[in-house]
Amino acid sequence: MFLSFLLFISCSQTRSSLENNSVEIEKLLMEQSKMWNSGDLEGFMSYYWNNDSLCFLSKNGMNCGWETVYENYKKGYDTPEKMGNLKFEILKSKPLGAESHFLVGRWNVYRTQDTIGGSFNLIWEKKNGKWVIVFDHTS
């Protein structure tokens, strides 16, 4: 009976911890959009893993490495007008374990001349105690 109780407590704490991770990651995504909307591209990129193993997949193919992803963002969004106002909508948030998380959503950038948007899949991992995006598939 005592072992059953311990197992129940352990599972409850694990489930609660995973739910807290979901809340934390969703909060981080909203913070990231605030960085974008303030024109702080480097701040926006601070939510990505600063590592050569970071990968970003889009209609233009797959690019890996933090610096490469950052340079591509700088080319495509080199002015505040091009950056516009970013809004995320989270469609699915799913823990993959204690230190890995999958997030699916939609994005829109509202600009004076147009609105662009699409979908994204993000894999977040905890690296050195900090949640970061390690894989981004945006279309």
Protein backbone atom coordinates (compact mmCIF):
# COMPACT_ATOMS: atom_id res chain seq x y z
CA MET A 1 0.00 0.00 0.00
CA PHE A 2 2.79 2.40 0.92
CA LEU A 3 4.57 1.76 -2.43
CA SER A 4 1.35 2.51 -4.31
CA PHE A 5 1.08 5.79 -2.43
CA LEU A 6 4.68 6.73 -3.29
CA LEU A 7 4.12 5.87 -6.95
CA PHE A 8 0.96 8.01 -7.00
CA ILE A 9 2.78 10.97 -5.41
CA SER A 10 5.69 10.60 -7.81
CA CYS A 11 3.42 10.49 -10.88
CA SER A 12 1.42 13.48 -9.62
CA GLN A 13 4.59 15.52 -9.10
CA THR A 14 5.90 14.55 -12.55
CA ARG A 15 2.60 15.49 -14.25
CA SER A 16 2.53 18.80 -12.37
CA SER A 17 6.14 19.50 -13.33
CA LEU A 18 5.41 18.81 -17.02
CA GLU A 19 2.35 21.09 -16.89
CA ASN A 20 4.52 23.82 -15.34
CA ASN A 21 6.99 23.37 -18.21
CA SER A 22 4.14 23.94 -20.70
CA VAL A 23 3.16 27.17 -18.96
CA GLU A 24 6.78 28.32 -18.78
CA ILE A 25 7.47 27.63 -22.45
CA GLU A 26 4.28 29.34 -23.60
CA LYS A 27 5.31 32.36 -21.51
CA LEU A 28 8.77 32.33 -23.12
CA LEU A 29 7.20 32.33 -26.59
CA MET A 30 5.16 35.41 -25.69
CA GLU A 31 8.30 37.10 -24.32
CA GLN A 32 10.07 36.26 -27.57
CA SER A 33 7.34 37.98 -29.59
CA LYS A 34 7.73 41.09 -27.40
CA MET A 35 11.43 41.17 -28.31
CA TRP A 36 10.51 41.01 -31.99
CA ASN A 37 7.87 43.73 -31.64
CA SER A 38 10.36 46.04 -29.92
CA GLY A 39 12.76 45.59 -32.88
CA ASP A 40 15.25 43.58 -30.79
CA LEU A 41 16.25 40.81 -33.18
CA GLU A 42 19.17 39.71 -31.02
CA GLY A 43 16.84 39.49 -28.01
CA PHE A 44 14.41 37.46 -30.15
CA MET A 45 17.27 35.11 -31.04
CA SER A 46 18.22 34.66 -27.37
CA TYR A 47 15.34 32.16 -27.14
CA TYR A 48 17.15 29.92 -29.64
CA TRP A 49 19.95 27.57 -28.62
CA ASN A 50 23.20 29.39 -29.39
CA ASN A 51 24.84 26.33 -30.92
CA ASP A 52 25.81 24.97 -34.34
CA SER A 53 23.25 22.18 -33.82
CA LEU A 54 20.29 24.58 -33.82
CA CYS A 55 18.30 23.89 -37.04
CA PHE A 56 15.67 25.99 -38.80
CA LEU A 57 13.56 24.43 -41.58
CA SER A 58 11.47 26.57 -43.94
CA LYS A 59 10.33 26.58 -47.56
CA ASN A 60 13.89 27.67 -48.40
CA GLY A 61 15.41 24.50 -46.94
CA MET A 62 17.15 23.69 -43.69
CA ASN A 63 19.79 25.89 -42.12
CA CYS A 64 21.73 24.98 -39.03
CA GLY A 65 23.73 27.03 -36.58
CA TRP A 66 22.64 29.97 -34.45
CA GLU A 67 24.72 32.47 -36.42
CA THR A 68 23.28 31.27 -39.76
CA VAL A 69 19.69 31.52 -38.48
CA TYR A 70 20.41 34.99 -37.07
CA GLU A 71 21.96 36.21 -40.33
CA ASN A 72 18.94 34.94 -42.29
CA TYR A 73 16.58 36.82 -39.98
CA LYS A 74 18.70 39.98 -40.36
CA LYS A 75 18.51 39.73 -44.17
CA GLY A 76 14.77 39.20 -44.26
CA TYR A 77 13.80 41.63 -41.52
CA ASP A 78 16.36 44.42 -41.68
CA THR A 79 14.01 47.29 -40.84
CA PRO A 80 11.29 47.86 -38.22
CA GLU A 81 8.79 48.17 -41.08
CA LYS A 82 9.67 44.67 -42.34
CA MET A 83 9.57 43.28 -38.81
CA GLY A 84 6.08 44.63 -38.17
CA ASN A 85 4.11 43.29 -35.22
CA LEU A 86 4.43 39.54 -34.52
CA LYS A 87 1.60 37.55 -32.95
CA PHE A 88 1.73 33.87 -32.04
CA GLU A 89 -1.21 31.52 -31.56
CA ILE A 90 -0.41 28.27 -29.77
CA LEU A 91 -2.33 25.30 -31.16
CA LYS A 92 -0.64 22.43 -29.28
CA SER A 93 1.77 22.31 -26.38
CA LYS A 94 3.08 18.86 -25.48
CA PRO A 95 5.81 17.82 -23.07
CA LEU A 96 8.14 15.19 -24.53
CA GLY A 97 9.83 14.63 -21.20
CA ALA A 98 11.15 16.60 -18.27
CA GLU A 99 13.60 18.54 -20.47
CA SER A 100 12.02 18.48 -23.94
CA HIS A 101 8.85 20.08 -25.25
CA PHE A 102 6.96 20.27 -28.56
CA LEU A 103 5.01 23.38 -29.52
CA VAL A 104 2.77 23.88 -32.57
CA GLY A 105 1.22 27.13 -33.59
CA ARG A 106 0.51 29.86 -36.07
CA TRP A 107 2.32 33.14 -36.55
CA ASN A 108 1.36 36.41 -38.19
CA VAL A 109 3.39 39.54 -38.83
CA TYR A 110 1.24 42.61 -39.30
CA ARG A 111 2.93 45.32 -41.36
CA THR A 112 1.63 48.56 -42.84
CA GLN A 113 1.98 47.20 -46.38
CA ASP A 114 0.75 43.62 -45.77
CA THR A 115 0.30 40.73 -43.37
CA ILE A 116 2.32 37.56 -43.63
CA GLY A 117 1.92 34.38 -41.65
CA GLY A 118 2.09 30.64 -41.44
CA SER A 119 2.61 27.75 -39.07
CA PHE A 120 5.45 26.59 -36.86
CA ASN A 121 6.63 23.51 -34.99
CA LEU A 122 9.20 24.10 -32.27
CA ILE A 123 11.21 21.69 -30.20
CA TRP A 124 12.36 23.24 -26.95
CA GLU A 125 14.98 21.66 -24.71
CA LYS A 126 16.37 22.62 -21.35
CA LYS A 127 20.06 23.45 -21.78
CA ASN A 128 22.06 24.49 -18.73
CA GLY A 129 18.85 25.14 -16.82
CA LYS A 130 17.32 27.35 -19.54
CA TRP A 131 14.59 26.47 -22.05
CA VAL A 132 15.71 27.16 -25.65
CA ILE A 133 14.46 26.34 -29.13
CA VAL A 134 16.67 23.62 -30.66
CA PHE A 135 14.60 23.00 -33.80
CA ASP A 136 12.23 25.34 -35.65
CA HIS A 137 10.10 24.31 -38.64
CA THR A 138 8.32 27.42 -39.88
CA SER A 139 6.26 27.65 -43.04
